Amino acid sequence: LGRGFRVWFYEVLNFGDKRKMISVNFTDTQKIGLGLVAFGLALLMLGVMLFFDSGLLAIGNILFIAGIFFIIGPHKTYNFFFQTHKLKGTLFFVGGMLIVLIGWPIIGMLVEIYGAFVLFRGLIPYALLFLRRLPVIGHVLNLPGLRSVRTNTSFIFCYGSFSRR
């Protein structure tokens, strides 16, 4: 386990029942980061389910950020959060975390969700492409009415509007 841990999963191709096996290597620090992100998201969901418990939300936020730090490393984390076009999302995300810590969890979570949306909106089209390859969800996303909505939505997420800049 010194060099890394190999995770195997199947990717379902769009045509037929053919499957392709993909391997992903994780180092020990990345495995710790995945655990921190998963535990942080679980605490965030638990904090919301328990009527916005400030303590659980704060710990979930800290674990989530620490997990991202462990997964992609300190330099890439800094570069991700402090890009000029993502600075607004970073400020809202961190501001929402601070508002949760102050003791206003509902307002803080709303501000934090907006910041996370602004930060991660460039990843949403890729997530939709991944979901399109899943067996049941992919068929739903490929229905004629949803296909055009999905394409227009991913364009809005990437560029902010329908007008090309």
C-alpha atoms as a PDB file:
ATOM      1  CA  LEU A   1       0.000   0.000   0.000  1.00  0.00           C
ATOM      2  CA  GLY A   2       3.006   2.307   0.000  1.00  0.00           C
ATOM      3  CA  ARG A   3       2.593   3.526  -3.575  1.00  0.00           C
ATOM      4  CA  GLY A   4      -1.154   3.691  -3.699  1.00  0.00           C
ATOM      5  CA  PHE A   5      -4.391   1.839  -3.575  1.00  0.00           C
ATOM      6  CA  ARG A   6      -6.130   0.804  -6.759  1.00  0.00           C
ATOM      7  CA  VAL A   7      -9.890   1.167  -6.984  1.00  0.00           C
ATOM      8  CA  TRP A   8     -11.721  -0.668  -9.753  1.00  0.00           C
ATOM      9  CA  PHE A   9     -15.124   0.281 -11.033  1.00  0.00           C
ATOM     10  CA  TYR A  10     -17.124  -0.263 -14.179  1.00  0.00           C
ATOM     11  CA  GLU A  11     -18.054   2.430 -16.627  1.00  0.00           C
ATOM     12  CA  VAL A  12     -21.210   1.708 -18.571  1.00  0.00           C
ATOM     13  CA  LEU A  13     -20.894   2.684 -22.201  1.00  0.00           C
ATOM     14  CA  ASN A  14     -23.842   4.248 -23.983  1.00  0.00           C
ATOM     15  CA  PHE A  15     -24.057   1.558 -26.633  1.00  0.00           C
ATOM     16  CA  GLY A  16     -25.165  -1.944 -25.737  1.00  0.00           C
ATOM     17  CA  ASP A  17     -24.220  -3.856 -22.625  1.00  0.00           C
ATOM     18  CA  LYS A  18     -20.464  -3.514 -23.066  1.00  0.00           C
ATOM     19  CA  ARG A  19     -18.592  -2.512 -19.941  1.00  0.00           C
ATOM     20  CA  LYS A  20     -15.083  -1.176 -19.561  1.00  0.00           C
ATOM     21  CA  MET A  21     -13.105  -1.511 -16.337  1.00  0.00           C
ATOM     22  CA  ILE A  22     -11.281   1.609 -15.166  1.00  0.00           C
ATOM     23  CA  SER A  23      -8.694   1.746 -12.396  1.00  0.00           C
ATOM     24  CA  VAL A  24      -7.925   4.786 -10.281  1.00  0.00           C
ATOM     25  CA  ASN A  25      -4.856   5.005  -8.064  1.00  0.00           C
ATOM     26  CA  PHE A  26      -5.125   6.795  -4.728  1.00  0.00           C
ATOM     27  CA  THR A  27      -2.212   7.626  -2.482  1.00  0.00           C
ATOM     28  CA  ASP A  28      -2.573   7.333   1.283  1.00  0.00           C
ATOM     29  CA  THR A  29      -3.141  11.067   1.706  1.00  0.00           C
ATOM     30  CA  GLN A  30      -5.797  11.050  -1.019  1.00  0.00           C
ATOM     31  CA  LYS A  31      -7.572   8.169   0.729  1.00  0.00           C
ATOM     32  CA  ILE A  32      -7.553  10.203   3.949  1.00  0.00           C
ATOM     33  CA  GLY A  33      -8.917  13.163   1.975  1.00  0.00           C
ATOM     34  CA  LEU A  34     -11.729  11.083   0.495  1.00  0.00           C
ATOM     35  CA  GLY A  35     -12.677   9.940   3.981  1.00  0.00           C
ATOM     36  CA  LEU A  36     -12.629  13.514   5.292  1.00  0.00           C
ATOM     37  CA  VAL A  37     -14.785  14.775   2.414  1.00  0.00           C
ATOM     38  CA  ALA A  38     -17.279  11.927   2.868  1.00  0.00           C
ATOM     39  CA  PHE A  39     -17.433  12.420   6.637  1.00  0.00           C
ATOM     40  CA  GLY A  40     -17.743  16.202   6.200  1.00  0.00           C
ATOM     41  CA  LEU A  41     -20.623  15.840   3.733  1.00  0.00           C
ATOM     42  CA  ALA A  42     -22.311  13.332   6.059  1.00  0.00           C
ATOM     43  CA  LEU A  43     -22.036  15.783   8.967  1.00  0.00           C
ATOM     44  CA  LEU A  44     -23.380  18.588   6.788  1.00  0.00           C
ATOM     45  CA  MET A  45     -26.401  16.506   5.829  1.00  0.00           C
ATOM     46  CA  LEU A  46     -26.918  15.426   9.430  1.00  0.00           C
ATOM     47  CA  GLY A  47     -26.651  19.044  10.573  1.00  0.00           C
ATOM     48  CA  VAL A  48     -29.326  20.083   8.073  1.00  0.00           C
ATOM     49  CA  MET A  49     -31.591  17.178   9.063  1.00  0.00           C
ATOM     50  CA  LEU A  50     -31.247  18.115  12.736  1.00  0.00           C
ATOM     51  CA  PHE A  51     -32.704  21.559  12.066  1.00  0.00           C
ATOM     52  CA  PHE A  52     -29.476  23.332  11.151  1.00  0.00           C
ATOM     53  CA  ASP A  53     -27.344  22.390  14.121  1.00  0.00           C
ATOM     54  CA  SER A  54     -24.479  24.911  14.085  1.00  0.00           C
ATOM     55  CA  GLY A  55     -21.886  22.572  15.578  1.00  0.00           C
ATOM     56  CA  LEU A  56     -22.409  19.785  13.058  1.00  0.00           C
ATOM     57  CA  LEU A  57     -22.451  22.243  10.159  1.00  0.00           C
ATOM     58  CA  ALA A  58     -19.216  23.890  11.297  1.00  0.00           C
ATOM     59  CA  ILE A  59     -17.393  20.575  11.774  1.00  0.00           C
ATOM     60  CA  GLY A  60     -18.728  19.335   8.421  1.00  0.00           C
ATOM     61  CA  ASN A  61     -17.426  22.446   6.676  1.00  0.00           C
ATOM     62  CA  ILE A  62     -13.988  22.113   8.248  1.00  0.00           C
ATOM     63  CA  LEU A  63     -13.722  18.424   7.353  1.00  0.00           C
ATOM     64  CA  PHE A  64     -14.868  19.080   3.782  1.00  0.00           C
ATOM     65  CA  ILE A  65     -12.233  21.782   3.205  1.00  0.00           C
ATOM     66  CA  ALA A  66      -9.543  19.644   4.882  1.00  0.00           C
ATOM     67  CA  GLY A  67     -10.511  16.714   2.653  1.00  0.00           C
ATOM     68  CA  ILE A  68     -10.162  18.804  -0.496  1.00  0.00           C
ATOM     69  CA  PHE A  69      -6.774  19.943   0.801  1.00  0.00           C
ATOM     70  CA  PHE A  70      -5.646  16.317   1.220  1.00  0.00           C
ATOM     71  CA  ILE A  71      -7.053  15.124  -2.111  1.00  0.00           C
ATOM     72  CA  ILE A  72      -5.578  17.711  -4.466  1.00  0.00           C
ATOM     73  CA  GLY A  73      -2.739  19.118  -2.366  1.00  0.00           C
ATOM     74  CA  PRO A  74      -2.035  22.537  -0.862  1.00  0.00           C
ATOM     75  CA  HIS A  75      -0.840  24.311  -4.017  1.00  0.00           C
ATOM     76  CA  LYS A  76      -3.748  23.157  -6.188  1.00  0.00           C
ATOM     77  CA  THR A  77      -6.216  23.943  -3.408  1.00  0.00           C
ATOM     78  CA  TYR A  78      -4.872  27.488  -3.183  1.00  0.00           C
ATOM     79  CA  ASN A  79      -4.973  27.866  -6.966  1.00  0.00           C
ATOM     80  CA  PHE A  80      -8.541  26.513  -7.117  1.00  0.00           C
ATOM     81  CA  PHE A  81     -10.029  28.774  -4.455  1.00  0.00           C
ATOM     82  CA  PHE A  82      -8.138  31.964  -5.303  1.00  0.00           C
ATOM     83  CA  GLN A  83      -8.518  32.196  -9.080  1.00  0.00           C
ATOM     84  CA  THR A  84      -9.784  35.625 -10.064  1.00  0.00           C
ATOM     85  CA  HIS A  85     -13.023  34.350 -11.605  1.00  0.00           C
ATOM     86  CA  LYS A  86     -13.703  32.133  -8.544  1.00  0.00           C
ATOM     87  CA  LEU A  87     -12.894  34.722  -5.887  1.00  0.00           C
ATOM     88  CA  LYS A  88     -16.555  35.731  -5.525  1.00  0.00           C
ATOM     89  CA  GLY A  89     -17.535  32.107  -4.854  1.00  0.00           C
ATOM     90  CA  THR A  90     -14.682  31.688  -2.383  1.00  0.00           C
ATOM     91  CA  LEU A  91     -15.717  34.796  -0.454  1.00  0.00           C
ATOM     92  CA  PHE A  92     -19.347  33.668  -0.276  1.00  0.00           C
ATOM     93  CA  PHE A  93     -18.342  30.116   0.711  1.00  0.00           C
ATOM     94  CA  VAL A  94     -16.004  31.255   3.489  1.00  0.00           C
ATOM     95  CA  GLY A  95     -18.452  33.992   4.522  1.00  0.00           C
ATOM     96  CA  GLY A  96     -21.191  31.385   4.845  1.00  0.00           C
ATOM     97  CA  MET A  97     -18.910  29.254   7.001  1.00  0.00           C
ATOM     98  CA  LEU A  98     -18.244  32.249   9.255  1.00  0.00           C
ATOM     99  CA  ILE A  99     -21.962  33.056   9.488  1.00  0.00           C
ATOM    100  CA  VAL A 100     -22.613  29.449  10.559  1.00  0.00           C
ATOM    101  CA  LEU A 101     -19.893  29.765  13.205  1.00  0.00           C
ATOM    102  CA  ILE A 102     -21.422  33.025  14.471  1.00  0.00           C
ATOM    103  CA  GLY A 103     -24.681  31.222  15.107  1.00  0.00           C
ATOM    104  CA  TRP A 104     -26.999  31.911  12.161  1.00  0.00           C
ATOM    105  CA  PRO A 105     -26.963  28.492  10.475  1.00  0.00           C
ATOM    106  CA  ILE A 106     -29.819  28.909   7.981  1.00  0.00           C
ATOM    107  CA  ILE A 107     -28.529  32.179   6.550  1.00  0.00           C
ATOM    108  CA  GLY A 108     -24.974  30.848   6.603  1.00  0.00           C
ATOM    109  CA  MET A 109     -25.917  27.690   4.725  1.00  0.00           C
ATOM    110  CA  LEU A 110     -27.778  29.694   2.071  1.00  0.00           C
ATOM    111  CA  VAL A 111     -24.750  31.940   1.552  1.00  0.00           C
ATOM    112  CA  GLU A 112     -22.469  28.902   1.542  1.00  0.00           C
ATOM    113  CA  ILE A 113     -24.618  27.033  -1.006  1.00  0.00           C
ATOM    114  CA  TYR A 114     -24.493  30.048  -3.311  1.00  0.00           C
ATOM    115  CA  GLY A 115     -20.704  30.215  -2.919  1.00  0.00           C
ATOM    116  CA  ALA A 116     -20.335  26.490  -3.610  1.00  0.00           C
ATOM    117  CA  PHE A 117     -22.510  26.853  -6.717  1.00  0.00           C
ATOM    118  CA  VAL A 118     -20.341  29.699  -8.018  1.00  0.00           C
ATOM    119  CA  LEU A 119     -17.152  27.776  -7.186  1.00  0.00           C
ATOM    120  CA  PHE A 120     -18.137  24.434  -8.661  1.00  0.00           C
ATOM    121  CA  ARG A 121     -20.369  25.487 -11.556  1.00  0.00           C
ATOM    122  CA  GLY A 122     -17.643  24.633 -14.047  1.00  0.00           C
ATOM    123  CA  LEU A 123     -17.769  21.012 -12.864  1.00  0.00           C
ATOM    124  CA  ILE A 124     -21.537  20.617 -13.269  1.00  0.00           C
ATOM    125  CA  PRO A 125     -21.455  19.775 -17.018  1.00  0.00           C
ATOM    126  CA  TYR A 126     -18.892  17.044 -16.324  1.00  0.00           C
ATOM    127  CA  ALA A 127     -21.066  15.673 -13.534  1.00  0.00           C
ATOM    128  CA  LEU A 128     -24.005  15.635 -15.941  1.00  0.00           C
ATOM    129  CA  LEU A 129     -21.906  13.754 -18.498  1.00  0.00           C
ATOM    130  CA  PHE A 130     -21.015  11.202 -15.831  1.00  0.00           C
ATOM    131  CA  LEU A 131     -24.650  10.849 -14.762  1.00  0.00           C
ATOM    132  CA  ARG A 132     -25.654  10.378 -18.393  1.00  0.00           C
ATOM    133  CA  ARG A 133     -23.532   7.222 -18.501  1.00  0.00           C
ATOM    134  CA  LEU A 134     -25.262   5.605 -15.520  1.00  0.00           C
ATOM    135  CA  PRO A 135     -27.858   2.961 -16.397  1.00  0.00           C
ATOM    136  CA  VAL A 136     -31.121   4.371 -14.995  1.00  0.00           C
ATOM    137  CA  ILE A 137     -30.322   8.061 -14.597  1.00  0.00           C
ATOM    138  CA  GLY A 138     -28.754   8.178 -18.070  1.00  0.00           C
ATOM    139  CA  HIS A 139     -31.962   7.030 -19.723  1.00  0.00           C
ATOM    140  CA  VAL A 140     -33.920   9.722 -17.871  1.00  0.00           C
ATOM    141  CA  LEU A 141     -31.420  12.458 -18.806  1.00  0.00           C
ATOM    142  CA  ASN A 142     -31.510  11.375 -22.456  1.00  0.00           C
ATOM    143  CA  LEU A 143     -35.271  11.786 -22.797  1.00  0.00           C
ATOM    144  CA  PRO A 144     -36.113  14.314 -25.549  1.00  0.00           C
ATOM    145  CA  GLY A 145     -37.436  17.045 -23.240  1.00  0.00           C
ATOM    146  CA  LEU A 146     -34.594  16.790 -20.729  1.00  0.00           C
ATOM    147  CA  ARG A 147     -31.800  16.555 -23.306  1.00  0.00           C
ATOM    148  CA  SER A 148     -32.302  20.163 -24.492  1.00  0.00           C
ATOM    149  CA  VAL A 149     -32.704  21.448 -20.926  1.00  0.00           C
ATOM    150  CA  ARG A 150     -29.513  19.681 -19.925  1.00  0.00           C
ATOM    151  CA  THR A 151     -27.545  21.170 -22.839  1.00  0.00           C
ATOM    152  CA  ASN A 152     -28.797  24.706 -22.197  1.00  0.00           C
ATOM    153  CA  THR A 153     -28.245  24.368 -18.449  1.00  0.00           C
ATOM    154  CA  SER A 154     -24.655  23.174 -18.844  1.00  0.00           C
ATOM    155  CA  PHE A 155     -23.969  26.127 -21.147  1.00  0.00           C
ATOM    156  CA  ILE A 156     -25.378  28.529 -18.533  1.00  0.00           C
ATOM    157  CA  PHE A 157     -23.312  26.880 -15.769  1.00  0.00           C
ATOM    158  CA  CYS A 158     -20.094  27.254 -17.742  1.00  0.00           C
ATOM    159  CA  TYR A 159     -20.529  30.696 -19.203  1.00  0.00           C
ATOM    160  CA  GLY A 160     -23.123  32.412 -17.031  1.00  0.00           C
ATOM    161  CA  SER A 161     -25.566  33.293 -19.823  1.00  0.00           C
ATOM    162  CA  PHE A 162     -26.590  32.397 -23.328  1.00  0.00           C
ATOM    163  CA  SER A 163     -24.545  35.174 -24.901  1.00  0.00           C
ATOM    164  CA  ARG A 164     -21.047  34.206 -25.930  1.00  0.00           C
ATOM    165  CA  ARG A 165     -18.288  36.355 -24.516  1.00  0.00           C
END
